[in-house]
Amino acid sequence: MPCQKVAIIGMGNVLRGDDGIGVHIVQRLRSQKCNARIELFDAGTDVWSLAAIMDRQWEKLILIDAVRPGSIHSAFLLAKWQDVNTGNSVSSGEHEASVCSVLRLLEQQGLCFENLWLLAIQPERMDYTMGLSSRLSKKLDYYCDLVLTQANSMPGTTIYNQLPIKMKGAQ
């Protein structure tokens, strides 16, 4: 029987404004007393740390990251990995390597991401500054609620899905 735990992983650089949105969401969730089946991870900009987290058995994984401006044509996208794992996939924030590239490499090594969800958030600014932009600060609680609702939903259930995805460079 698979593990009944959910991993929520926040990615981003808090020194680059909105690029730190994933980390800010995880920090906010930590202060909210999530239920015991949810584990929170602050991966920062270390996309390679995903291998150690994802190598465990999870009922569901939710990865939160800013995207490169213009990578998606909406304020945010919540979708299953299989739905965005294409040649024109979402470009992640300012990390040493693309989150999507690392996920593809981990899949080639035999990891299965059947229950992986990505919350990709369009940043307003990614300059060298502490804190989120006013727009994302106002949406922080909304994104936290969205993540918790998805974490607590039945496996395979989409509580919000903005597909079909219209991505930059898509035909």
Protein backbone atom coordinates (compact mmCIF):
# COMPACT_ATOMS: atom_id res chain seq x y z
CA MET A 1 0.00 0.00 0.00
CA PRO A 2 1.46 3.40 -0.96
CA CYS A 3 2.34 6.01 1.61
CA GLN A 4 -0.55 8.32 2.47
CA LYS A 5 1.67 11.38 2.86
CA VAL A 6 1.76 14.47 0.68
CA ALA A 7 4.95 16.42 -0.03
CA ILE A 8 4.68 20.15 -0.70
CA ILE A 9 7.94 21.51 -2.10
CA GLY A 10 8.62 25.24 -2.43
CA MET A 11 11.29 26.38 -4.89
CA GLY A 12 12.77 29.82 -5.40
CA ASN A 13 15.27 32.47 -4.45
CA VAL A 14 13.90 34.79 -1.75
CA LEU A 15 16.62 37.32 -2.66
CA ARG A 16 15.09 37.72 -6.15
CA GLY A 17 11.64 39.11 -5.31
CA ASP A 18 8.82 36.99 -6.71
CA ASP A 19 11.18 34.16 -7.65
CA GLY A 20 10.90 33.13 -3.98
CA ILE A 21 7.12 32.55 -4.13
CA GLY A 22 7.41 28.78 -3.61
CA VAL A 23 9.52 29.27 -0.48
CA HIS A 24 7.14 31.97 0.83
CA ILE A 25 4.16 29.63 0.40
CA VAL A 26 5.91 26.81 2.30
CA GLN A 27 6.87 29.24 5.08
CA ARG A 28 3.27 30.47 5.35
CA LEU A 29 1.96 26.88 5.41
CA ARG A 30 4.40 26.01 8.22
CA SER A 31 2.79 28.71 10.34
CA GLN A 32 -0.70 27.32 9.67
CA LYS A 33 -0.41 23.89 11.33
CA CYS A 34 -1.01 21.59 8.36
CA ASN A 35 -2.35 18.12 9.06
CA ALA A 36 0.14 15.40 9.94
CA ARG A 37 0.07 13.73 6.53
CA ILE A 38 1.52 16.84 4.84
CA GLU A 39 5.30 17.34 4.81
CA LEU A 40 6.68 20.73 3.80
CA PHE A 41 10.04 21.21 2.07
CA ASP A 42 11.91 24.44 1.34
CA ALA A 43 14.17 23.48 -1.56
CA GLY A 44 15.27 27.05 -2.27
CA THR A 45 17.21 27.13 -5.53
CA ASP A 46 18.68 23.64 -5.11
CA VAL A 47 16.73 21.76 -7.78
CA TRP A 48 18.98 18.74 -7.28
CA SER A 49 17.57 18.32 -3.76
CA LEU A 50 14.35 17.22 -5.47
CA ALA A 51 15.93 13.80 -6.08
CA ALA A 52 16.21 13.04 -2.35
CA ILE A 53 12.67 14.22 -1.65
CA MET A 54 11.05 12.55 -4.62
CA ASP A 55 12.85 9.25 -4.12
CA ARG A 56 10.45 8.46 -1.27
CA GLN A 57 6.93 7.05 -1.63
CA TRP A 58 4.30 9.79 -1.70
CA GLU A 59 0.57 9.72 -2.29
CA LYS A 60 0.99 13.12 -3.94
CA LEU A 61 3.73 15.68 -4.55
CA ILE A 62 3.07 19.37 -5.13
CA LEU A 63 5.95 21.46 -6.46
CA ILE A 64 5.60 25.26 -6.29
CA ASP A 65 7.81 27.60 -8.30
CA ALA A 66 7.84 30.90 -10.13
CA VAL A 67 8.15 30.65 -13.88
CA ARG A 68 10.15 32.78 -16.26
CA PRO A 69 8.05 35.78 -17.26
CA GLY A 70 6.00 34.92 -20.32
CA SER A 71 6.31 31.13 -19.90
CA ILE A 72 2.59 30.82 -19.18
CA HIS A 73 -0.23 33.05 -20.36
CA SER A 74 -2.00 33.43 -17.02
CA ALA A 75 -1.27 34.43 -13.42
CA PHE A 76 -0.69 30.79 -12.45
CA LEU A 77 -1.03 27.21 -13.62
CA LEU A 78 -1.83 24.15 -11.50
CA ALA A 79 -1.50 20.97 -13.50
CA LYS A 80 -0.27 17.38 -13.35
CA TRP A 81 3.33 16.79 -14.44
CA GLN A 82 2.16 14.59 -17.33
CA ASP A 83 0.15 17.54 -18.70
CA VAL A 84 3.13 19.91 -18.82
CA ASN A 85 5.90 17.42 -19.57
CA THR A 86 6.22 18.31 -23.24
CA GLY A 87 8.95 19.74 -25.41
CA ASN A 88 7.58 23.24 -24.75
CA SER A 89 7.12 22.86 -21.02
CA VAL A 90 6.92 25.66 -18.49
CA SER A 91 10.22 27.41 -17.83
CA SER A 92 10.97 27.56 -14.13
CA GLY A 93 12.49 30.45 -12.24
CA GLU A 94 16.10 31.46 -11.80
CA HIS A 95 17.73 28.23 -10.61
CA GLU A 96 20.99 26.51 -11.47
CA ALA A 97 19.02 24.15 -13.72
CA SER A 98 15.47 23.99 -14.99
CA VAL A 99 13.08 22.19 -12.64
CA CYS A 100 11.49 20.48 -15.64
CA SER A 101 14.90 19.34 -16.93
CA VAL A 102 15.78 17.85 -13.54
CA LEU A 103 12.40 16.11 -13.33
CA ARG A 104 12.92 14.58 -16.79
CA LEU A 105 16.40 13.40 -15.76
CA LEU A 106 14.97 11.82 -12.59
CA GLU A 107 12.32 10.06 -14.69
CA GLN A 108 15.08 8.64 -16.90
CA GLN A 109 16.65 7.28 -13.71
CA GLY A 110 13.45 5.38 -12.95
CA LEU A 111 11.47 7.71 -10.68
CA CYS A 112 7.76 7.85 -11.43
CA PHE A 113 5.88 11.13 -11.07
CA GLU A 114 2.34 9.88 -11.58
CA ASN A 115 1.05 12.00 -8.69
CA LEU A 116 3.20 15.11 -9.16
CA TRP A 117 1.43 18.46 -9.45
CA LEU A 118 3.12 21.71 -10.45
CA LEU A 119 1.94 25.10 -9.28
CA ALA A 120 3.68 27.55 -11.61
CA ILE A 121 3.21 31.20 -10.70
CA GLN A 122 3.86 34.15 -13.00
CA PRO A 123 6.14 36.65 -11.21
CA GLU A 124 5.74 40.40 -11.41
CA ARG A 125 9.39 41.14 -10.63
CA MET A 126 12.51 39.04 -10.18
CA ASP A 127 15.09 41.69 -9.42
CA TYR A 128 17.45 41.53 -6.46
CA THR A 129 15.13 42.51 -3.64
CA MET A 130 13.73 40.89 -0.53
CA GLY A 131 10.01 40.19 -0.35
CA LEU A 132 7.24 39.63 -2.82
CA SER A 133 5.64 42.19 -5.10
CA SER A 134 2.40 43.74 -3.92
CA ARG A 135 0.39 41.56 -6.34
CA LEU A 136 1.85 38.27 -5.13
CA SER A 137 1.77 39.35 -1.46
CA LYS A 138 -1.97 39.88 -1.79
CA LYS A 139 -2.37 36.44 -3.42
CA LEU A 140 -0.22 34.51 -0.92
CA ASP A 141 -3.14 33.24 1.19
CA TYR A 142 -5.05 32.31 -1.97
CA TYR A 143 -2.12 30.22 -3.23
CA CYS A 144 -1.75 28.57 0.20
CA ASP A 145 -5.44 27.62 0.17
CA LEU A 146 -5.11 26.31 -3.38
CA VAL A 147 -2.14 24.13 -2.42
CA LEU A 148 -3.82 22.77 0.72
CA THR A 149 -7.04 22.01 -1.15
CA GLN A 150 -5.07 20.10 -3.80
CA ALA A 151 -3.04 18.32 -1.11
CA ASN A 152 -6.22 17.17 0.66
CA SER A 153 -8.10 16.16 -2.49
CA MET A 154 -8.37 12.55 -3.61
CA PRO A 155 -5.43 11.31 -5.71
CA GLY A 156 -6.04 12.08 -9.37
CA THR A 157 -8.55 14.82 -8.58
CA THR A 158 -7.95 18.26 -10.03
CA ILE A 159 -9.41 21.06 -7.97
CA TYR A 160 -8.24 23.65 -10.45
CA ASN A 161 -7.03 22.96 -13.92
CA GLN A 162 -6.25 25.60 -16.48
CA LEU A 163 -5.71 23.22 -19.38
CA PRO A 164 -5.32 23.32 -22.29
CA ILE A 165 -2.01 24.98 -21.56
CA LYS A 166 -0.96 27.72 -23.93
CA MET A 167 2.76 28.00 -23.36
CA LYS A 168 5.31 30.29 -24.88
CA GLY A 169 6.72 28.65 -27.98
CA ALA A 170 3.85 26.19 -28.30
CA GLN A 171 2.60 25.56 -31.82
